[in-house]
Structure formats: C-alpha cells, structure tokens
Amino acid sequence: MDQAYSTSLRQQQHPLITQLANTIEIAWKKQFALYPYQIPKDLGYIEGSLEGEKLTIENHCYQTVQFRKLHLELAKVGPHLDILHCVMFPRTNFPLPIFGVDIVAGRGKISAAIVDLSPTNSLNRLPINYHQSLQKLPSQQFSQPRTLPAWGDIFSEFCLFVSPGNEQEEAAFLSQARLFLLTHCQLSKQTQPVESIEQEDQLVSGQRRYCLQQQKNDKTRRILERAFGETWADRYLRTMLFDYTETAISDKSATECK
C-alpha cells in the first residue's frame, strides 16, 4: 500500500474520532486489497484559517475491486472543532449502498454523529441481504436523537443520527458504526456486478442523487467558504467530498485498480 495514514492529526482530535478513524483503517486493511487512489495534489493535505484559528484537513483515499473510492477525511479547526467524514463509493457496476459516517465535535463534546448505508438503486431501497442483516443488529438507545435535514431523504430507515450524551453513548455509537462498516465490507465482497448498461445507469443515477443531496449541506459549505472562498469550496465539495460519474463504466474488471 503506497499511501500511509498520518496519525498526527487524529491523535489531536476527540477520542471518539480517533477510535473511529482507527476502526475504519483496520477494517479496510483486513477486508480488502487496497489500491492507490489519485487525489488532486492540492487536496490531500490542506491548511487554512477560519476566524483566526488554524484549519487543517487530511484526505486519505483508496480503491478496491468493489469500490471506486474509499474516502476518510479528518479536519480540525483550532482547539475547538474536530471533524471526521468517511464515505465508501461503490463502483458503478456494483449494486451496493453507500456507507457514510460523520462526527462533529465542538469544545470536547460530540454535537453530531451519523452513520448509514444509503440506497443507490432505482427503488431507493437497500438490497434484501443488507436489510435483513441490519435488522438483526442489536439496537442502541440514545438520549438525544437528531432529526435529519430536509435534504436527508437519501438515507435509509436504519440511519442513526444522534448527539451522544456521555461516554457510554459515544461507545454505543462507535459500536453501531463498526457493525454497519463490517456488515458492508462482508456483504460487498459477496455481491456480483450487474450485467447490463441499463442496470448500471440506474446505479450511476443513485450515486449522482446521493452526491447532489449531500452537496446541499449548508453547514459544510459555509465552513469551507469562510475558510477558502466560494469557488474553492464548490470545487472541494464536487471533486473531493461528493464526486460522481455521469456515465456508466462498462469495464467490469479490476485492472483500473492495479
């Protein structure tokens, strides 16, 4: 594996972010053969300023046979704001949902934690094997559930969105995120690619819709615009965080990974 994870930033972040970043890294390494992903050279490691505080962003991306992009982003603004963002984008010929998890910590407290496996098919439903597996996961109780934003109709019925109220709830969220992640890794390896361009076109549309809805997240956009300007923020959202392909990719081999 050519691209190594940096540990310096995550060790400075909220413990839940550090633990989840490590969990994601371990799962990817154990479950998949990882291949390099070409990040634009100016977007891998970014430094800026937000309201007088140093802003640091690290992006780590890989690809596998099943996934066109595994993306882990860690961000820190001064001593008061820590962010983890992770998305696993399937290759457009694999009928897989999109795993996503985000954590926002302000002044040592988790204000938002969300994890989901979001559908990409034309019915906006999870594959049957995913639905059955997620139904069997142990349920966790949280004192502060959160309401999804207006653009959040891309998420599944299993989406977990909370503000953990204490260390026990933080551990419970970490446990659920890990179960979602491991379920996805295991089921994705059992999934076969679709055989027709028509089916792939539907999956392309599903990924496009997911990305366009995510780009409507005003909180993320405002932070980036205040730190780097509107043009840069728009480019970062479209090319780094939520990129999508406009056309189906008919080559179903793994050669592009190697």
Protein backbone atom coordinates (compact mmCIF):
# COMPACT_ATOMS: atom_id res chain seq x y z
CA MET A 1 0.00 0.00 0.00
CA ASP A 2 1.67 3.18 -1.19
CA GLN A 3 -0.40 5.70 0.74
CA ALA A 4 0.14 5.68 4.51
CA TYR A 5 -2.22 7.07 7.09
CA SER A 6 -0.97 10.03 9.10
CA THR A 7 -1.57 9.64 12.82
CA SER A 8 -0.58 13.15 13.90
CA LEU A 9 -3.94 14.87 13.30
CA ARG A 10 -6.18 12.10 14.60
CA GLN A 11 -4.22 11.91 17.86
CA GLN A 12 -5.12 15.56 18.48
CA GLN A 13 -8.82 15.02 17.88
CA HIS A 14 -11.73 13.94 20.07
CA PRO A 15 -11.20 10.35 21.32
CA LEU A 16 -14.30 9.08 19.52
CA ILE A 17 -12.95 10.40 16.21
CA THR A 18 -9.56 8.81 16.86
CA GLN A 19 -11.17 5.48 17.72
CA LEU A 20 -13.48 5.51 14.70
CA ALA A 21 -10.70 6.51 12.29
CA ASN A 22 -8.61 3.62 13.57
CA THR A 23 -11.59 1.25 13.31
CA ILE A 24 -12.17 2.25 9.67
CA GLU A 25 -8.49 1.88 8.82
CA ILE A 26 -8.25 -1.58 10.40
CA ALA A 27 -11.42 -2.80 8.67
CA TRP A 28 -10.29 -1.61 5.23
CA LYS A 29 -6.87 -3.22 5.62
CA LYS A 30 -8.31 -6.53 6.83
CA GLN A 31 -11.24 -6.80 4.46
CA PHE A 32 -9.84 -5.56 1.14
CA ALA A 33 -6.81 -5.38 -1.09
CA LEU A 34 -6.36 -1.59 -1.21
CA TYR A 35 -5.08 0.21 -4.29
CA PRO A 36 -3.95 3.84 -4.58
CA TYR A 37 -6.48 6.50 -5.48
CA GLN A 38 -5.29 9.63 -7.24
CA ILE A 39 -6.16 12.64 -5.09
CA PRO A 40 -5.68 16.07 -6.68
CA LYS A 41 -2.26 17.13 -5.43
CA ASP A 42 -3.56 20.24 -3.70
CA LEU A 43 -6.38 18.46 -1.86
CA GLY A 44 -4.63 15.69 0.06
CA TYR A 45 -3.38 17.90 2.89
CA ILE A 46 -4.83 21.37 3.32
CA GLU A 47 -4.11 24.21 5.71
CA GLY A 48 -6.11 27.39 6.05
CA SER A 49 -7.62 29.77 8.59
CA LEU A 50 -11.14 30.09 9.94
CA GLU A 51 -11.94 33.08 12.13
CA GLY A 52 -8.32 33.33 13.25
CA GLU A 53 -7.97 29.63 14.02
CA LYS A 54 -5.80 27.22 12.05
CA LEU A 55 -7.80 24.82 9.87
CA THR A 56 -6.20 21.52 8.88
CA ILE A 57 -7.72 18.89 6.58
CA GLU A 58 -6.27 15.47 5.73
CA ASN A 59 -7.78 13.30 3.00
CA HIS A 60 -6.95 9.63 2.58
CA CYS A 61 -8.43 7.74 -0.38
CA TYR A 62 -8.15 4.20 -1.76
CA GLN A 63 -9.96 1.96 -4.19
CA THR A 64 -10.79 -1.74 -4.34
CA VAL A 65 -12.39 -4.15 -6.77
CA GLN A 66 -15.83 -3.25 -5.40
CA PHE A 67 -15.28 0.43 -4.55
CA ARG A 68 -14.19 3.26 -6.80
CA LYS A 69 -13.33 5.43 -3.78
CA LEU A 70 -12.85 4.82 -0.07
CA HIS A 71 -12.53 8.27 1.49
CA LEU A 72 -11.56 9.21 5.03
CA GLU A 73 -11.34 12.91 5.85
CA LEU A 74 -10.11 14.30 9.15
CA ALA A 75 -10.37 18.02 9.90
CA LYS A 76 -9.50 20.25 12.83
CA VAL A 77 -10.19 23.93 13.47
CA GLY A 78 -8.06 25.30 16.29
CA PRO A 79 -8.55 23.51 19.60
CA HIS A 80 -12.35 23.63 19.48
CA LEU A 81 -13.69 21.80 16.39
CA ASP A 82 -12.90 18.25 15.22
CA ILE A 83 -14.50 16.51 12.23
CA LEU A 84 -14.45 13.00 10.79
CA HIS A 85 -16.05 12.27 7.43
CA CYS A 86 -16.00 8.92 5.65
CA VAL A 87 -17.75 7.64 2.54
CA MET A 88 -17.33 4.38 0.63
CA PHE A 89 -18.43 4.93 -3.00
CA PRO A 90 -19.15 1.67 -4.87
CA ARG A 91 -18.02 1.16 -8.42
CA THR A 92 -20.97 1.96 -10.64
CA ASN A 93 -21.40 -1.64 -11.79
CA PHE A 94 -21.78 -2.97 -8.23
CA PRO A 95 -25.34 -2.75 -6.79
CA LEU A 96 -24.16 -1.64 -3.35
CA PRO A 97 -25.37 1.03 -0.94
CA ILE A 98 -23.12 3.90 0.13
CA PHE A 99 -21.60 3.66 3.59
CA GLY A 100 -21.21 7.05 5.22
CA VAL A 101 -20.28 8.20 8.71
CA ASP A 102 -19.68 11.69 10.10
CA ILE A 103 -18.76 13.00 13.53
CA VAL A 104 -18.59 16.65 14.58
CA ALA A 105 -17.09 17.50 17.96
CA GLY A 106 -17.09 21.03 19.38
CA ARG A 107 -15.26 22.01 22.56
CA GLY A 108 -14.81 18.39 23.59
CA LYS A 109 -18.44 17.36 23.08
CA ILE A 110 -19.93 15.42 20.17
CA SER A 111 -22.65 17.60 18.66
CA ALA A 112 -23.50 15.28 15.76
CA ALA A 113 -22.79 11.66 14.88
CA ILE A 114 -24.40 9.93 11.90
CA VAL A 115 -23.92 6.58 10.20
CA ASP A 116 -25.89 4.94 7.42
CA LEU A 117 -25.90 2.60 4.46
CA SER A 118 -27.75 4.66 1.86
CA PRO A 119 -29.56 3.01 -1.09
CA THR A 120 -28.40 3.61 -4.66
CA ASN A 121 -30.94 1.59 -6.66
CA SER A 122 -33.92 3.00 -8.55
CA LEU A 123 -36.35 1.91 -5.80
CA ASN A 124 -34.35 3.81 -3.15
CA ARG A 125 -34.30 0.64 -1.07
CA LEU A 126 -31.47 -1.36 0.43
CA PRO A 127 -30.69 -4.75 -1.13
CA ILE A 128 -32.56 -7.55 0.66
CA ASN A 129 -29.42 -9.04 2.21
CA TYR A 130 -28.44 -5.64 3.64
CA HIS A 131 -31.94 -5.04 5.00
CA GLN A 132 -32.01 -8.42 6.69
CA SER A 133 -28.53 -8.02 8.16
CA LEU A 134 -29.19 -4.53 9.55
CA GLN A 135 -32.48 -5.68 11.07
CA LYS A 136 -30.54 -8.26 13.09
CA LEU A 137 -28.11 -5.76 14.59
CA PRO A 138 -28.58 -5.02 18.31
CA SER A 139 -30.42 -1.76 18.91
CA GLN A 140 -28.88 1.02 20.97
CA GLN A 141 -30.72 3.69 22.94
CA PHE A 142 -29.62 7.33 22.79
CA SER A 143 -30.91 10.19 24.89
CA GLN A 144 -30.57 12.81 22.14
CA PRO A 145 -31.70 11.55 18.72
CA ARG A 146 -31.47 14.14 15.98
CA THR A 147 -33.76 14.99 13.07
CA LEU A 148 -32.44 14.54 9.55
CA PRO A 149 -32.11 17.69 7.42
CA ALA A 150 -34.58 18.42 4.63
CA TRP A 151 -32.18 17.01 2.02
CA GLY A 152 -31.74 13.79 4.04
CA ASP A 153 -34.22 11.65 2.08
CA ILE A 154 -31.20 9.81 0.65
CA PHE A 155 -30.71 7.96 3.93
CA SER A 156 -32.13 4.55 4.79
CA GLU A 157 -34.58 3.62 7.52
CA PHE A 158 -31.60 2.34 9.54
CA CYS A 159 -29.80 5.69 9.61
CA LEU A 160 -28.52 6.54 13.09
CA PHE A 161 -28.24 10.29 13.77
CA VAL A 162 -27.62 11.35 17.36
CA SER A 163 -25.81 13.63 19.77
CA PRO A 164 -24.20 11.20 22.21
CA GLY A 165 -24.84 12.45 25.74
CA ASN A 166 -21.98 10.76 27.55
CA GLU A 167 -19.07 8.35 27.13
CA GLN A 168 -21.39 5.34 27.22
CA GLU A 169 -23.42 6.69 24.32
CA GLU A 170 -20.22 7.55 22.44
CA ALA A 171 -19.13 3.92 22.85
CA ALA A 172 -22.56 2.76 21.68
CA PHE A 173 -22.33 4.88 18.55
CA LEU A 174 -18.83 3.55 17.84
CA SER A 175 -20.15 0.01 18.20
CA GLN A 176 -23.02 0.61 15.78
CA ALA A 177 -20.78 2.34 13.25
CA ARG A 178 -18.36 -0.59 13.40
CA LEU A 179 -21.21 -3.08 12.85
CA PHE A 180 -22.50 -1.09 9.86
CA LEU A 181 -18.98 -0.96 8.44
CA LEU A 182 -18.19 -4.65 8.90
CA THR A 183 -21.59 -5.68 7.55
CA HIS A 184 -20.94 -3.58 4.46
CA CYS A 185 -17.43 -4.92 3.94
CA GLN A 186 -18.56 -8.53 4.20
CA LEU A 187 -21.69 -8.24 2.05
CA SER A 188 -19.93 -6.16 -0.61
CA LYS A 189 -17.45 -8.98 -1.19
CA GLN A 190 -20.36 -11.36 -1.78
CA THR A 191 -22.03 -9.05 -4.32
CA GLN A 192 -21.67 -9.60 -8.05
CA PRO A 193 -21.57 -6.74 -10.57
CA VAL A 194 -24.63 -6.03 -12.70
CA GLU A 195 -24.64 -7.31 -16.26
CA SER A 196 -26.38 -4.58 -18.23
CA ILE A 197 -25.68 -0.94 -19.01
CA GLU A 198 -29.30 -0.17 -18.08
CA GLN A 199 -28.80 -1.50 -14.56
CA GLU A 200 -25.53 0.37 -14.23
CA ASP A 201 -27.15 3.59 -15.41
CA GLN A 202 -29.63 3.28 -12.54
CA LEU A 203 -26.76 2.91 -10.06
CA VAL A 204 -25.00 5.92 -11.59
CA SER A 205 -28.19 7.92 -11.08
CA GLY A 206 -28.37 6.74 -7.47
CA GLN A 207 -24.84 7.89 -6.73
CA ARG A 208 -25.45 11.19 -8.51
CA ARG A 209 -28.55 11.83 -6.41
CA TYR A 210 -26.68 10.98 -3.19
CA CYS A 211 -23.87 13.38 -4.03
CA LEU A 212 -26.11 16.23 -5.15
CA GLN A 213 -28.19 15.97 -1.98
CA GLN A 214 -25.08 15.89 0.20
CA GLN A 215 -23.77 19.00 -1.55
CA LYS A 216 -26.81 20.82 -0.14
CA ASN A 217 -25.36 20.55 3.37
CA ASP A 218 -25.16 24.26 4.18
CA LYS A 219 -23.10 23.79 7.35
CA THR A 220 -20.25 22.10 5.49
CA ARG A 221 -20.38 24.59 2.63
CA ARG A 222 -20.35 27.61 4.96
CA ILE A 223 -17.27 26.40 6.84
CA LEU A 224 -15.38 25.81 3.60
CA GLU A 225 -16.47 29.11 2.06
CA ARG A 226 -15.46 31.10 5.13
CA ALA A 227 -12.03 29.46 5.16
CA PHE A 228 -11.19 29.23 1.45
CA GLY A 229 -13.77 31.15 -0.58
CA GLU A 230 -16.83 30.17 -2.57
CA THR A 231 -15.04 28.87 -5.69
CA TRP A 232 -12.65 26.64 -3.75
CA ALA A 233 -15.45 25.33 -1.53
CA ASP A 234 -17.59 24.39 -4.52
CA ARG A 235 -14.68 22.57 -6.17
CA TYR A 236 -13.87 20.70 -2.95
CA LEU A 237 -17.47 19.60 -2.50
CA ARG A 238 -17.79 18.44 -6.10
CA THR A 239 -14.39 16.81 -6.64
CA MET A 240 -13.24 15.63 -3.21
CA LEU A 241 -16.21 15.04 -0.94
CA PHE A 242 -19.08 14.11 -3.25
CA ASP A 243 -17.90 13.37 -6.76
CA TYR A 244 -19.88 11.22 -9.16
CA THR A 245 -19.55 9.95 -12.69
CA GLU A 246 -22.08 10.99 -15.32
CA THR A 247 -21.92 7.79 -17.36
CA ALA A 248 -21.81 4.09 -16.68
CA ILE A 249 -18.41 2.40 -16.75
CA SER A 250 -18.68 -0.76 -18.81
CA ASP A 251 -15.27 -2.19 -17.86
CA LYS A 252 -16.07 -4.55 -15.00
CA SER A 253 -12.55 -5.77 -14.45
CA ALA A 254 -10.24 -4.74 -11.62
CA THR A 255 -7.49 -3.63 -13.97
CA GLU A 256 -8.02 0.06 -13.22
CA CYS A 257 -7.15 -0.68 -9.57
CA LYS A 258 -3.74 -2.12 -10.36
